[in-house]
Amino acid sequence: MTHRPTYQPSLPSQNDNVSDTHPLKDFLSILFKLALLGLLAFFLLGLLVDTVVDRMDASTEASLTRLLADKAPEVAAPGQGDAREARLQALVDSLRSCARFTGPATLRLTESTVPNAVVLPGGNIYVFSALLGHVQSENGLAFVLAHEMAHLSHRDHLRARRWSR
């Protein structure tokens, strides 16, 4: 007669299906790693955008600017300016030659109660009419316009796309 071993039920010494740590600790660890990975991806994509914009040639920028200009909000109808707009455009043109800025810089004067100026794709500089009442001199206005032209020169209108939808 052969002797058969008898079965004795017991739990295994190591169970790979059950974690040794608390589930909340596991969750927080995974959440932290995902947040860190997301921040790293965000930072690296920003660097990638800056690198691409710095190396972009003029023809590529022009075609991309046309695409962005189609999506940009229309602040004012172009060409409905007055003598103030012509005077501001002349100031922009003189600043362009002084700064040796070769890109397009078209000024648009927009009626608004907010004193501001913005740059939109396509080399458009929008000056809100309330700004004209706020600046004390032509030098102050030239400073604001030179600031906006610096945004154009540094291609900030393209770099800003990384922060938008």
Protein backbone atom coordinates (compact mmCIF):
# COMPACT_ATOMS: atom_id res chain seq x y z
CA MET A 1 0.00 0.00 0.00
CA THR A 2 1.20 3.38 -0.92
CA HIS A 3 0.90 6.20 1.39
CA ARG A 4 -0.67 9.37 0.00
CA PRO A 5 0.13 12.72 1.52
CA THR A 6 -2.85 14.40 3.02
CA TYR A 7 -3.82 17.88 1.98
CA GLN A 8 -3.61 20.57 4.65
CA PRO A 9 -5.17 23.90 3.63
CA SER A 10 -3.09 27.01 4.38
CA LEU A 11 -2.40 30.49 3.01
CA PRO A 12 0.66 30.91 0.84
CA SER A 13 3.62 32.62 2.42
CA GLN A 14 3.76 35.24 -0.38
CA ASN A 15 0.65 36.54 -2.17
CA ASP A 16 1.49 38.58 -5.28
CA ASN A 17 -2.10 39.77 -5.66
CA VAL A 18 -2.11 41.75 -2.43
CA SER A 19 0.09 44.80 -1.87
CA ASP A 20 2.14 45.09 1.29
CA THR A 21 1.49 48.86 1.45
CA HIS A 22 -1.67 50.81 2.10
CA PRO A 23 -3.78 51.45 -1.06
CA LEU A 24 -3.87 55.20 -0.36
CA LYS A 25 -0.07 55.30 -0.31
CA ASP A 26 -0.01 53.52 -3.69
CA PHE A 27 -2.59 55.96 -5.08
CA LEU A 28 -0.67 59.03 -3.91
CA SER A 29 2.58 57.64 -5.31
CA ILE A 30 1.00 57.04 -8.72
CA LEU A 31 -0.69 60.47 -8.66
CA PHE A 32 2.60 62.20 -7.83
CA LYS A 33 4.44 60.39 -10.61
CA LEU A 34 1.72 61.26 -13.15
CA ALA A 35 1.76 64.93 -12.10
CA LEU A 36 5.55 65.00 -12.40
CA LEU A 37 5.36 63.38 -15.82
CA GLY A 38 2.72 65.92 -16.93
CA LEU A 39 4.83 68.87 -15.77
CA LEU A 40 7.88 67.46 -17.52
CA ALA A 41 5.92 66.99 -20.75
CA PHE A 42 4.52 70.55 -20.49
CA PHE A 43 8.02 71.98 -19.96
CA LEU A 44 9.56 69.95 -22.79
CA LEU A 45 6.79 70.90 -25.22
CA GLY A 46 7.38 74.56 -24.36
CA LEU A 47 11.08 74.17 -25.11
CA LEU A 48 10.22 72.40 -28.35
CA VAL A 49 7.94 75.27 -29.44
CA ASP A 50 10.66 77.83 -28.64
CA THR A 51 13.24 75.84 -30.60
CA VAL A 52 10.97 75.44 -33.62
CA VAL A 53 10.01 79.14 -33.62
CA ASP A 54 13.67 80.18 -33.38
CA ARG A 55 14.63 78.02 -36.38
CA MET A 56 11.58 78.79 -38.51
CA ASP A 57 12.30 80.51 -41.82
CA ALA A 58 10.33 83.51 -43.09
CA SER A 59 8.21 81.62 -45.64
CA THR A 60 7.09 79.04 -43.07
CA GLU A 61 6.27 81.79 -40.60
CA ALA A 62 4.26 83.64 -43.25
CA SER A 63 2.17 80.56 -44.07
CA LEU A 64 1.67 79.75 -40.38
CA THR A 65 0.79 83.36 -39.67
CA ARG A 66 -1.90 83.24 -42.36
CA LEU A 67 -3.40 80.18 -40.66
CA LEU A 68 -3.30 81.86 -37.24
CA ALA A 69 -4.67 85.14 -38.59
CA ASP A 70 -7.74 83.33 -39.90
CA LYS A 71 -8.44 82.09 -36.36
CA ALA A 72 -7.59 85.38 -34.61
CA PRO A 73 -10.54 87.46 -33.44
CA GLU A 74 -11.28 90.47 -35.60
CA VAL A 75 -10.92 93.47 -33.32
CA ALA A 76 -11.72 96.07 -35.94
CA ALA A 77 -12.39 96.21 -39.63
CA PRO A 78 -9.13 96.97 -41.41
CA GLY A 79 -8.89 100.12 -43.47
CA GLN A 80 -11.48 102.11 -41.54
CA GLY A 81 -8.85 104.30 -39.96
CA ASP A 82 -8.57 108.03 -39.76
CA ALA A 83 -5.78 110.60 -39.58
CA ARG A 84 -4.77 109.27 -36.15
CA GLU A 85 -4.23 105.81 -37.60
CA ALA A 86 -2.14 107.24 -40.46
CA ARG A 87 -0.02 109.20 -37.97
CA LEU A 88 0.48 106.08 -35.83
CA GLN A 89 1.39 104.00 -38.89
CA ALA A 90 3.99 106.63 -39.84
CA LEU A 91 5.42 106.37 -36.32
CA VAL A 92 5.54 102.56 -36.62
CA ASP A 93 7.28 102.86 -40.00
CA SER A 94 9.92 105.20 -38.57
CA LEU A 95 10.46 102.82 -35.65
CA ARG A 96 10.79 99.91 -38.10
CA SER A 97 13.58 101.64 -40.00
CA CYS A 98 15.33 102.70 -36.79
CA ALA A 99 15.20 99.17 -35.34
CA ARG A 100 15.96 97.50 -38.71
CA PHE A 101 12.81 95.44 -38.30
CA THR A 102 12.10 93.70 -41.62
CA GLY A 103 8.82 91.95 -40.86
CA PRO A 104 5.35 93.31 -41.50
CA ALA A 105 3.96 95.78 -38.99
CA THR A 106 0.51 97.11 -39.82
CA LEU A 107 -1.20 99.37 -37.32
CA ARG A 108 -4.94 99.26 -36.66
CA LEU A 109 -6.68 101.81 -34.45
CA THR A 110 -9.64 100.37 -32.57
CA GLU A 111 -12.26 102.27 -30.59
CA SER A 112 -12.18 101.12 -26.98
CA THR A 113 -12.35 102.46 -23.44
CA VAL A 114 -9.45 100.20 -22.41
CA PRO A 115 -6.00 101.78 -22.81
CA ASN A 116 -4.00 98.98 -24.40
CA ALA A 117 -2.15 97.77 -27.47
CA VAL A 118 -1.79 94.17 -28.66
CA VAL A 119 -0.06 92.22 -31.40
CA LEU A 120 -1.98 89.63 -33.37
CA PRO A 121 -0.72 87.20 -36.01
CA GLY A 122 0.03 88.66 -39.39
CA GLY A 123 2.10 91.56 -38.08
CA ASN A 124 -0.98 93.48 -36.93
CA ILE A 125 -0.55 95.93 -34.07
CA TYR A 126 -3.89 96.96 -32.59
CA VAL A 127 -3.89 100.20 -30.61
CA PHE A 128 -7.01 100.88 -28.56
CA SER A 129 -8.16 104.49 -28.78
CA ALA A 130 -8.17 105.03 -25.00
CA LEU A 131 -4.39 104.57 -25.05
CA LEU A 132 -4.05 107.79 -27.04
CA GLY A 133 -5.64 109.69 -24.16
CA HIS A 134 -3.38 108.03 -21.59
CA VAL A 135 0.03 108.65 -23.09
CA GLN A 136 1.50 112.05 -22.30
CA SER A 137 3.75 112.47 -25.33
CA GLU A 138 4.75 111.07 -28.68
CA ASN A 139 7.76 109.50 -26.96
CA GLY A 140 5.44 107.59 -24.65
CA LEU A 141 3.45 106.37 -27.62
CA ALA A 142 6.66 105.42 -29.43
CA PHE A 143 7.68 103.41 -26.36
CA VAL A 144 4.41 101.45 -26.43
CA LEU A 145 4.66 100.83 -30.17
CA ALA A 146 8.32 99.78 -29.89
CA HIS A 147 7.29 97.36 -27.14
CA GLU A 148 4.66 95.82 -29.41
CA MET A 149 7.14 95.64 -32.28
CA ALA A 150 9.53 93.80 -29.96
CA HIS A 151 6.78 91.20 -29.51
CA LEU A 152 6.67 90.88 -33.30
CA SER A 153 10.45 90.67 -33.57
CA HIS A 154 10.66 87.94 -30.91
CA ARG A 155 7.77 86.10 -32.55
CA ASP A 156 5.80 86.13 -29.31
CA HIS A 157 2.57 85.80 -31.29
CA LEU A 158 3.79 82.31 -32.30
CA ARG A 159 5.27 81.38 -28.93
CA ALA A 160 2.03 82.30 -27.19
CA ARG A 161 0.23 79.54 -29.10
CA ARG A 162 1.80 76.99 -26.76
CA TRP A 163 -0.21 78.42 -23.86
CA SER A 164 -3.51 78.59 -25.72
CA ARG A 165 -5.97 75.87 -26.57
